N, C-alpha and C. Protein backbone atom coordinates (compact mmCIF):
# COMPACT_ATOMS: atom_id res chain seq x y z
N UNK A 1 151.62 223.98 170.70
CA UNK A 1 151.78 224.56 172.00
C UNK A 1 152.92 223.82 172.68
N UNK A 2 153.80 224.56 173.29
CA UNK A 2 154.98 223.98 173.92
C UNK A 2 154.83 224.10 175.44
N UNK A 3 154.52 222.95 176.11
CA UNK A 3 154.33 222.93 177.57
C UNK A 3 155.63 222.42 178.19
N UNK A 4 156.16 223.13 179.19
CA UNK A 4 157.38 222.67 179.85
C UNK A 4 157.21 221.26 180.40
N UNK A 5 158.32 220.50 180.42
CA UNK A 5 158.31 219.10 180.81
C UNK A 5 157.71 218.89 182.21
N UNK A 6 158.10 219.71 183.20
CA UNK A 6 157.59 219.57 184.56
C UNK A 6 156.07 219.73 184.61
N UNK A 7 155.55 220.69 183.88
CA UNK A 7 154.11 220.93 183.86
C UNK A 7 153.40 219.77 183.19
N UNK A 8 154.00 219.19 182.12
CA UNK A 8 153.39 218.04 181.45
C UNK A 8 153.28 216.86 182.42
N UNK A 9 154.32 216.61 183.24
CA UNK A 9 154.29 215.52 184.21
C UNK A 9 153.19 215.76 185.24
N UNK A 10 153.07 217.01 185.68
CA UNK A 10 152.04 217.34 186.65
C UNK A 10 150.64 217.11 186.06
N UNK A 11 150.44 217.51 184.81
CA UNK A 11 149.16 217.28 184.15
C UNK A 11 148.89 215.79 183.99
N UNK A 12 149.90 215.02 183.61
CA UNK A 12 149.73 213.58 183.47
C UNK A 12 149.43 212.96 184.83
N UNK A 13 150.09 213.41 185.87
CA UNK A 13 149.84 212.90 187.22
C UNK A 13 148.43 213.22 187.67
N UNK A 14 147.96 214.42 187.37
CA UNK A 14 146.60 214.82 187.73
C UNK A 14 145.59 213.96 187.00
N UNK A 15 145.84 213.69 185.70
CA UNK A 15 144.93 212.85 184.93
C UNK A 15 144.91 211.43 185.48
N UNK A 16 146.07 210.91 185.85
CA UNK A 16 146.13 209.55 186.40
C UNK A 16 145.40 209.48 187.73
N UNK A 17 145.54 210.52 188.56
CA UNK A 17 144.85 210.55 189.84
C UNK A 17 143.34 210.60 189.63
N UNK A 18 142.88 211.40 188.70
CA UNK A 18 141.45 211.49 188.41
C UNK A 18 140.91 210.15 187.94
N UNK A 19 141.66 209.45 187.11
CA UNK A 19 141.26 208.14 186.62
C UNK A 19 141.19 207.15 187.78
N UNK A 20 142.16 207.17 188.67
CA UNK A 20 142.19 206.28 189.82
C UNK A 20 140.99 206.53 190.73
N UNK A 21 140.65 207.78 191.00
CA UNK A 21 139.51 208.12 191.84
C UNK A 21 138.22 207.65 191.18
N UNK A 22 138.09 207.89 189.89
CA UNK A 22 136.90 207.46 189.16
C UNK A 22 136.76 205.95 189.21
N UNK A 23 137.83 205.23 188.99
CA UNK A 23 137.80 203.76 189.01
C UNK A 23 137.42 203.26 190.39
N UNK A 24 137.97 203.85 191.43
CA UNK A 24 137.65 203.44 192.80
C UNK A 24 136.18 203.70 193.09
N UNK A 25 135.67 204.83 192.66
CA UNK A 25 134.27 205.16 192.91
C UNK A 25 133.36 204.18 192.18
N UNK A 26 133.71 203.81 190.96
CA UNK A 26 132.90 202.86 190.20
C UNK A 26 132.94 201.48 190.83
N UNK A 27 134.10 201.05 191.29
CA UNK A 27 134.20 199.71 191.84
C UNK A 27 133.48 199.60 193.17
N UNK A 28 133.22 200.71 193.83
CA UNK A 28 132.48 200.67 195.09
C UNK A 28 131.04 200.25 194.87
N UNK A 29 130.50 200.44 193.67
CA UNK A 29 129.12 200.07 193.38
C UNK A 29 129.03 198.84 192.50
N UNK A 30 130.12 198.11 192.34
CA UNK A 30 130.11 196.93 191.49
C UNK A 30 129.18 195.83 191.99
N UNK A 31 128.81 195.84 193.29
CA UNK A 31 127.91 194.83 193.82
C UNK A 31 126.50 195.00 193.28
N UNK A 32 126.15 196.18 192.83
CA UNK A 32 124.83 196.44 192.29
C UNK A 32 124.71 195.76 190.93
N UNK A 33 123.58 195.07 190.71
CA UNK A 33 123.35 194.45 189.41
C UNK A 33 123.28 195.54 188.35
N UNK A 34 123.70 195.21 187.15
CA UNK A 34 123.56 196.16 186.06
C UNK A 34 122.91 195.46 184.88
N UNK A 35 122.15 196.20 184.13
CA UNK A 35 121.41 195.65 182.99
C UNK A 35 121.47 196.60 181.81
N UNK A 36 121.15 196.08 180.65
CA UNK A 36 121.02 196.91 179.47
C UNK A 36 119.59 197.44 179.47
N UNK A 37 119.46 198.75 179.42
CA UNK A 37 118.14 199.38 179.42
C UNK A 37 117.56 199.29 178.01
N UNK A 38 116.34 198.75 177.88
CA UNK A 38 115.71 198.67 176.55
C UNK A 38 115.45 200.06 175.98
N UNK A 39 115.21 200.13 174.68
CA UNK A 39 114.87 201.41 174.05
C UNK A 39 113.62 201.23 173.18
N UNK A 40 112.46 201.12 173.83
CA UNK A 40 111.21 200.91 173.10
C UNK A 40 110.71 202.19 172.44
N UNK A 41 109.68 202.04 171.59
CA UNK A 41 109.05 203.23 171.01
C UNK A 41 108.30 203.98 172.11
N UNK A 42 107.82 205.16 171.79
CA UNK A 42 107.20 206.04 172.79
C UNK A 42 105.98 205.41 173.45
N UNK A 43 105.14 204.71 172.69
CA UNK A 43 103.94 204.11 173.26
C UNK A 43 104.32 203.03 174.28
N UNK A 44 105.21 202.14 173.91
CA UNK A 44 105.64 201.08 174.82
C UNK A 44 106.35 201.68 176.04
N UNK A 45 107.16 202.71 175.84
CA UNK A 45 107.86 203.35 176.97
C UNK A 45 106.85 203.92 177.97
N UNK A 46 105.77 204.51 177.48
CA UNK A 46 104.73 205.03 178.37
C UNK A 46 104.07 203.92 179.18
N UNK A 47 103.79 202.80 178.53
CA UNK A 47 103.21 201.65 179.23
C UNK A 47 104.19 201.13 180.28
N UNK A 48 105.46 201.09 179.93
CA UNK A 48 106.49 200.62 180.86
C UNK A 48 106.62 201.53 182.08
N UNK A 49 106.51 202.83 181.87
CA UNK A 49 106.56 203.77 183.00
C UNK A 49 105.37 203.52 183.93
N UNK A 50 104.19 203.24 183.34
CA UNK A 50 103.02 202.92 184.16
C UNK A 50 103.27 201.64 184.96
N UNK A 51 103.85 200.64 184.32
CA UNK A 51 104.16 199.39 185.01
C UNK A 51 105.15 199.65 186.15
N UNK A 52 106.18 200.42 185.87
CA UNK A 52 107.21 200.72 186.88
C UNK A 52 106.59 201.29 188.15
N UNK A 53 105.61 202.17 187.98
CA UNK A 53 104.95 202.80 189.12
C UNK A 53 104.11 201.82 189.94
N UNK A 54 103.72 200.71 189.33
CA UNK A 54 102.86 199.73 190.01
C UNK A 54 103.62 198.50 190.51
N UNK A 55 104.89 198.40 190.22
CA UNK A 55 105.65 197.21 190.63
C UNK A 55 105.72 197.13 192.15
N UNK A 56 105.61 195.92 192.69
CA UNK A 56 105.64 195.77 194.15
C UNK A 56 107.03 195.97 194.75
N UNK A 57 107.05 196.29 196.05
CA UNK A 57 108.32 196.46 196.77
C UNK A 57 109.00 195.11 197.01
N UNK A 58 108.19 194.04 197.03
CA UNK A 58 108.74 192.70 197.20
C UNK A 58 108.24 191.78 196.10
N UNK A 59 109.12 190.93 195.61
CA UNK A 59 108.77 189.88 194.65
C UNK A 59 109.28 188.58 195.24
N UNK A 60 108.38 187.61 195.34
CA UNK A 60 108.76 186.29 195.87
C UNK A 60 109.46 186.42 197.23
N UNK A 61 109.04 187.43 198.02
CA UNK A 61 109.62 187.66 199.34
C UNK A 61 110.93 188.45 199.35
N UNK A 62 111.40 188.88 198.18
CA UNK A 62 112.68 189.60 198.06
C UNK A 62 112.46 191.11 197.96
N UNK A 63 113.28 191.88 198.68
CA UNK A 63 113.20 193.34 198.65
C UNK A 63 113.64 193.88 197.29
N UNK A 64 113.07 195.00 196.93
CA UNK A 64 113.42 195.64 195.65
C UNK A 64 114.81 196.27 195.74
N UNK A 65 115.64 195.95 194.77
CA UNK A 65 117.01 196.49 194.65
C UNK A 65 117.27 196.75 193.17
N UNK A 66 116.80 197.89 192.69
CA UNK A 66 116.88 198.18 191.26
C UNK A 66 118.31 198.20 190.76
N UNK A 67 118.51 197.66 189.56
CA UNK A 67 119.86 197.62 188.97
C UNK A 67 120.25 198.98 188.41
N UNK A 68 121.50 199.12 188.07
CA UNK A 68 121.99 200.33 187.41
C UNK A 68 122.09 200.05 185.93
N UNK A 69 122.06 201.02 185.10
CA UNK A 69 121.71 202.40 185.42
C UNK A 69 120.23 202.52 185.77
N UNK A 70 119.92 203.45 186.65
CA UNK A 70 118.52 203.64 187.08
C UNK A 70 117.66 203.99 185.88
N UNK A 71 116.50 203.33 185.79
CA UNK A 71 115.61 203.56 184.67
C UNK A 71 114.20 203.12 185.04
N UNK A 72 113.21 203.76 184.46
CA UNK A 72 111.83 203.33 184.64
C UNK A 72 111.51 202.12 183.79
N UNK A 73 112.49 201.64 183.04
CA UNK A 73 112.30 200.47 182.18
C UNK A 73 112.90 199.21 182.79
N UNK A 74 113.53 199.34 183.96
CA UNK A 74 114.14 198.18 184.61
C UNK A 74 113.84 198.19 186.10
N UNK A 75 113.89 197.00 186.70
CA UNK A 75 113.71 196.87 188.14
C UNK A 75 114.36 195.56 188.58
N UNK A 76 114.65 195.45 189.87
CA UNK A 76 115.27 194.23 190.37
C UNK A 76 114.87 193.96 191.81
N UNK A 77 114.98 192.70 192.20
CA UNK A 77 114.64 192.26 193.55
C UNK A 77 115.65 191.21 193.98
N UNK A 78 116.22 191.39 195.18
CA UNK A 78 117.12 190.41 195.77
C UNK A 78 118.54 190.48 195.25
N UNK A 79 119.35 189.54 195.77
CA UNK A 79 120.76 189.43 195.35
C UNK A 79 121.17 187.97 195.47
N UNK A 80 121.40 187.26 194.39
CA UNK A 80 121.38 187.73 193.01
C UNK A 80 119.96 188.14 192.61
N UNK A 81 119.89 189.13 191.76
CA UNK A 81 118.64 189.81 191.48
C UNK A 81 117.77 189.11 190.44
N UNK A 82 116.47 189.14 190.73
CA UNK A 82 115.46 188.88 189.71
C UNK A 82 115.35 190.22 188.98
N UNK A 83 115.53 190.20 187.68
CA UNK A 83 115.56 191.44 186.90
C UNK A 83 114.36 191.52 185.96
N UNK A 84 113.70 192.66 185.97
CA UNK A 84 112.62 192.95 185.03
C UNK A 84 113.10 194.04 184.09
N UNK A 85 112.87 193.82 182.79
CA UNK A 85 113.12 194.85 181.77
C UNK A 85 111.85 194.99 180.96
N UNK A 86 111.36 196.19 180.81
CA UNK A 86 110.14 196.44 180.05
C UNK A 86 110.47 197.19 178.76
N UNK A 87 109.78 196.79 177.70
CA UNK A 87 110.02 197.43 176.41
C UNK A 87 111.09 196.72 175.59
N UNK A 88 111.33 195.44 175.91
CA UNK A 88 112.32 194.68 175.15
C UNK A 88 111.76 194.31 173.78
N UNK A 89 112.63 193.91 172.88
CA UNK A 89 112.21 193.43 171.57
C UNK A 89 111.50 192.09 171.73
N UNK A 90 110.61 191.79 170.80
CA UNK A 90 109.95 190.48 170.80
C UNK A 90 110.99 189.42 170.47
N UNK A 91 111.09 188.37 171.30
CA UNK A 91 112.05 187.31 170.99
C UNK A 91 111.66 186.61 169.68
N UNK A 92 112.61 186.30 168.81
CA UNK A 92 112.28 185.63 167.55
C UNK A 92 111.58 184.29 167.79
N UNK A 93 111.90 183.61 168.88
CA UNK A 93 111.28 182.32 169.18
C UNK A 93 109.78 182.44 169.40
N UNK A 94 109.33 183.65 169.75
CA UNK A 94 107.92 183.85 170.04
C UNK A 94 107.06 183.65 168.79
N UNK A 95 107.62 183.89 167.62
CA UNK A 95 106.84 183.73 166.40
C UNK A 95 107.13 182.40 165.70
N UNK A 96 107.99 181.56 166.29
CA UNK A 96 108.30 180.25 165.74
C UNK A 96 107.25 179.26 166.24
N UNK A 97 106.34 178.78 165.35
CA UNK A 97 105.26 177.91 165.80
C UNK A 97 105.76 176.59 166.41
N UNK A 98 106.94 176.17 166.07
CA UNK A 98 107.48 174.93 166.64
C UNK A 98 108.03 175.16 168.05
N UNK A 99 108.45 176.38 168.37
CA UNK A 99 109.10 176.67 169.65
C UNK A 99 108.13 177.21 170.70
N UNK A 100 107.39 178.24 170.34
CA UNK A 100 106.60 178.98 171.32
C UNK A 100 105.56 178.16 172.08
N UNK A 101 104.70 177.37 171.42
CA UNK A 101 103.66 176.69 172.20
C UNK A 101 104.20 175.74 173.28
N UNK A 102 105.25 175.02 172.99
CA UNK A 102 105.75 174.07 173.99
C UNK A 102 106.65 174.74 175.03
N UNK A 103 107.01 176.00 174.85
CA UNK A 103 107.86 176.72 175.79
C UNK A 103 107.14 177.92 176.39
N UNK A 104 105.84 177.81 176.47
CA UNK A 104 105.06 178.89 177.05
C UNK A 104 104.33 178.45 178.31
N UNK A 105 104.09 179.41 179.19
CA UNK A 105 103.29 179.16 180.39
C UNK A 105 102.35 180.34 180.57
N UNK A 106 101.24 180.07 181.23
CA UNK A 106 100.30 181.15 181.55
C UNK A 106 100.16 181.18 183.06
N UNK A 107 100.41 182.35 183.65
CA UNK A 107 100.36 182.51 185.09
C UNK A 107 99.42 183.67 185.43
N UNK A 108 98.33 183.34 186.10
CA UNK A 108 97.34 184.35 186.52
C UNK A 108 96.93 185.28 185.37
N UNK A 109 96.70 184.71 184.21
CA UNK A 109 96.21 185.48 183.08
C UNK A 109 97.27 186.16 182.23
N UNK A 110 98.54 185.95 182.53
CA UNK A 110 99.62 186.53 181.72
C UNK A 110 100.40 185.39 181.07
N UNK A 111 100.50 185.44 179.74
CA UNK A 111 101.24 184.43 178.99
C UNK A 111 102.72 184.79 178.94
N UNK A 112 103.58 183.78 179.12
CA UNK A 112 105.03 183.99 179.13
C UNK A 112 105.71 182.98 178.23
N UNK A 113 106.71 183.42 177.52
CA UNK A 113 107.60 182.54 176.77
C UNK A 113 108.78 182.25 177.69
N UNK A 114 109.12 180.99 177.85
CA UNK A 114 110.22 180.57 178.72
C UNK A 114 111.44 180.21 177.89
N UNK A 115 112.61 180.78 178.28
CA UNK A 115 113.88 180.47 177.62
C UNK A 115 114.93 180.18 178.67
N UNK A 116 115.55 178.98 178.60
CA UNK A 116 116.63 178.65 179.52
C UNK A 116 117.94 179.16 178.90
N UNK A 117 118.76 179.83 179.71
CA UNK A 117 120.03 180.39 179.26
C UNK A 117 121.18 179.44 179.59
N UNK A 118 122.29 179.60 178.91
CA UNK A 118 123.47 178.76 179.12
C UNK A 118 124.01 178.83 180.54
N UNK A 119 123.80 179.96 181.23
CA UNK A 119 124.32 180.12 182.59
C UNK A 119 123.40 179.53 183.66
N UNK A 120 122.33 178.86 183.25
CA UNK A 120 121.40 178.24 184.19
C UNK A 120 120.22 179.13 184.57
N UNK A 121 120.25 180.39 184.15
CA UNK A 121 119.14 181.30 184.45
C UNK A 121 118.00 181.05 183.46
N UNK A 122 116.84 181.61 183.80
CA UNK A 122 115.68 181.53 182.91
C UNK A 122 115.20 182.93 182.60
N UNK A 123 114.77 183.13 181.37
CA UNK A 123 114.17 184.39 180.97
C UNK A 123 112.74 184.10 180.53
N UNK A 124 111.82 184.88 181.09
CA UNK A 124 110.41 184.79 180.73
C UNK A 124 110.05 186.11 180.05
N UNK A 125 109.36 186.04 178.90
CA UNK A 125 108.94 187.26 178.20
C UNK A 125 107.44 187.19 177.96
N UNK A 126 106.73 188.26 178.31
CA UNK A 126 105.28 188.28 178.11
C UNK A 126 104.97 188.22 176.62
N UNK A 127 103.84 187.59 176.33
CA UNK A 127 103.35 187.54 174.96
C UNK A 127 101.97 188.18 174.91
N UNK A 128 101.58 188.57 173.71
CA UNK A 128 100.24 189.12 173.47
C UNK A 128 99.95 190.34 174.34
N UNK A 129 100.95 191.22 174.50
CA UNK A 129 100.79 192.48 175.23
C UNK A 129 101.38 193.60 174.36
N UNK A 130 100.95 194.82 174.57
CA UNK A 130 101.40 195.94 173.73
C UNK A 130 102.82 196.41 174.04
N UNK A 131 103.42 195.87 175.09
CA UNK A 131 104.84 196.07 175.37
C UNK A 131 105.34 194.73 175.91
N UNK A 132 106.52 194.35 175.51
CA UNK A 132 107.09 193.08 175.97
C UNK A 132 107.85 193.31 177.27
N UNK A 133 107.53 192.47 178.26
CA UNK A 133 108.17 192.54 179.56
C UNK A 133 109.00 191.26 179.73
N UNK A 134 110.26 191.44 180.10
CA UNK A 134 111.17 190.31 180.27
C UNK A 134 111.56 190.21 181.75
N UNK A 135 111.48 189.01 182.29
CA UNK A 135 111.89 188.75 183.67
C UNK A 135 112.95 187.67 183.64
N UNK A 136 114.11 187.95 184.22
CA UNK A 136 115.19 186.98 184.28
C UNK A 136 115.38 186.51 185.72
N UNK A 137 115.34 185.20 185.88
CA UNK A 137 115.56 184.58 187.18
C UNK A 137 116.95 183.97 187.18
N UNK A 138 117.83 184.40 188.08
CA UNK A 138 119.14 183.78 188.15
C UNK A 138 119.00 182.31 188.57
N UNK A 139 119.99 181.51 188.24
CA UNK A 139 119.93 180.07 188.53
C UNK A 139 119.56 179.79 189.98
N UNK A 140 120.08 180.59 190.91
CA UNK A 140 119.81 180.38 192.33
C UNK A 140 118.35 180.61 192.70
N UNK A 141 117.58 181.24 191.83
CA UNK A 141 116.19 181.58 192.15
C UNK A 141 115.20 180.85 191.27
N UNK A 142 115.64 179.86 190.51
CA UNK A 142 114.73 179.21 189.56
C UNK A 142 113.70 178.32 190.24
N UNK A 143 114.02 177.64 191.34
CA UNK A 143 113.04 176.84 192.08
C UNK A 143 111.96 176.31 191.17
N UNK A 144 110.70 176.66 191.46
CA UNK A 144 109.61 176.26 190.57
C UNK A 144 109.44 177.26 189.43
N UNK A 145 110.08 178.42 189.55
CA UNK A 145 110.08 179.41 188.47
C UNK A 145 108.83 180.25 188.37
N UNK A 146 107.74 179.84 188.97
CA UNK A 146 106.49 180.56 188.77
C UNK A 146 106.16 181.53 189.89
N UNK A 147 106.77 181.40 191.06
CA UNK A 147 106.49 182.30 192.18
C UNK A 147 106.62 183.76 191.81
N UNK A 148 107.77 184.17 191.26
CA UNK A 148 107.90 185.57 190.87
C UNK A 148 106.90 185.99 189.80
N UNK A 149 106.58 185.10 188.88
CA UNK A 149 105.64 185.46 187.81
C UNK A 149 104.26 185.73 188.38
N UNK A 150 103.90 185.05 189.44
CA UNK A 150 102.63 185.29 190.11
C UNK A 150 102.58 186.73 190.63
N UNK A 151 103.68 187.18 191.22
CA UNK A 151 103.74 188.55 191.76
C UNK A 151 103.71 189.62 190.67
N UNK A 152 104.17 189.28 189.47
CA UNK A 152 104.19 190.26 188.37
C UNK A 152 102.86 190.34 187.64
N UNK A 153 102.02 189.31 187.75
CA UNK A 153 100.81 189.23 186.93
C UNK A 153 99.88 190.44 187.09
N UNK A 154 99.53 190.79 188.31
CA UNK A 154 98.56 191.89 188.51
C UNK A 154 99.07 193.22 187.95
N UNK A 155 100.30 193.65 188.28
CA UNK A 155 100.72 194.94 187.72
C UNK A 155 100.83 194.92 186.19
N UNK A 156 101.19 193.79 185.62
CA UNK A 156 101.27 193.72 184.15
C UNK A 156 99.88 193.82 183.55
N UNK A 157 98.92 193.08 184.10
CA UNK A 157 97.55 193.12 183.57
C UNK A 157 96.94 194.52 183.71
N UNK A 158 97.30 195.24 184.79
CA UNK A 158 96.75 196.58 185.02
C UNK A 158 97.33 197.64 184.09
N UNK A 159 98.55 197.44 183.60
CA UNK A 159 99.23 198.52 182.88
C UNK A 159 99.61 198.21 181.43
N UNK A 160 99.77 196.97 181.08
CA UNK A 160 100.16 196.61 179.71
C UNK A 160 98.99 195.87 179.05
N UNK A 161 98.21 196.57 178.21
CA UNK A 161 97.03 195.94 177.60
C UNK A 161 97.40 194.77 176.68
N UNK A 162 96.43 193.87 176.53
CA UNK A 162 96.61 192.77 175.58
C UNK A 162 96.67 193.33 174.17
N UNK A 163 97.37 192.63 173.32
CA UNK A 163 97.53 193.03 171.93
C UNK A 163 98.86 192.54 171.43
N UNK A 164 99.16 192.85 170.19
CA UNK A 164 100.44 192.45 169.61
C UNK A 164 101.23 193.69 169.25
N UNK A 165 102.40 193.78 169.81
CA UNK A 165 103.25 194.95 169.56
C UNK A 165 104.03 194.77 168.28
């Protein structure tokens, strides 16, 4: 197909303008936390949807500010955000007998595996439940680390039964 030079420039200009508008629109929401949405099996996804419906509006005194992309498998509170992801894979450390017992905590009847990240944040993952729930606390929110876990205990116990996934 032979497109005249002037029309090609106009088409290229239109494409560049569309790209610029799209980029500007995306950067306007860059303040919103973003996370990788887990992809659990159907049973775990159903449990996670039940959990999502029961999650509190506040965690550790922080308002709910869900990350993008919007999903029933993720939630967030505050800025920097405490992030919850439901339906994550079981961490390999959870089955390592040398690692798991000394890096676990139990809060209000929910067992958690604790992992410190290189960036100073902490990730807690539920154990002995039919879906794995991961909570990440940014470095600024680590304090004693257990406050947010206390707020998550009741909804997790109500919606994610004990068992091994």
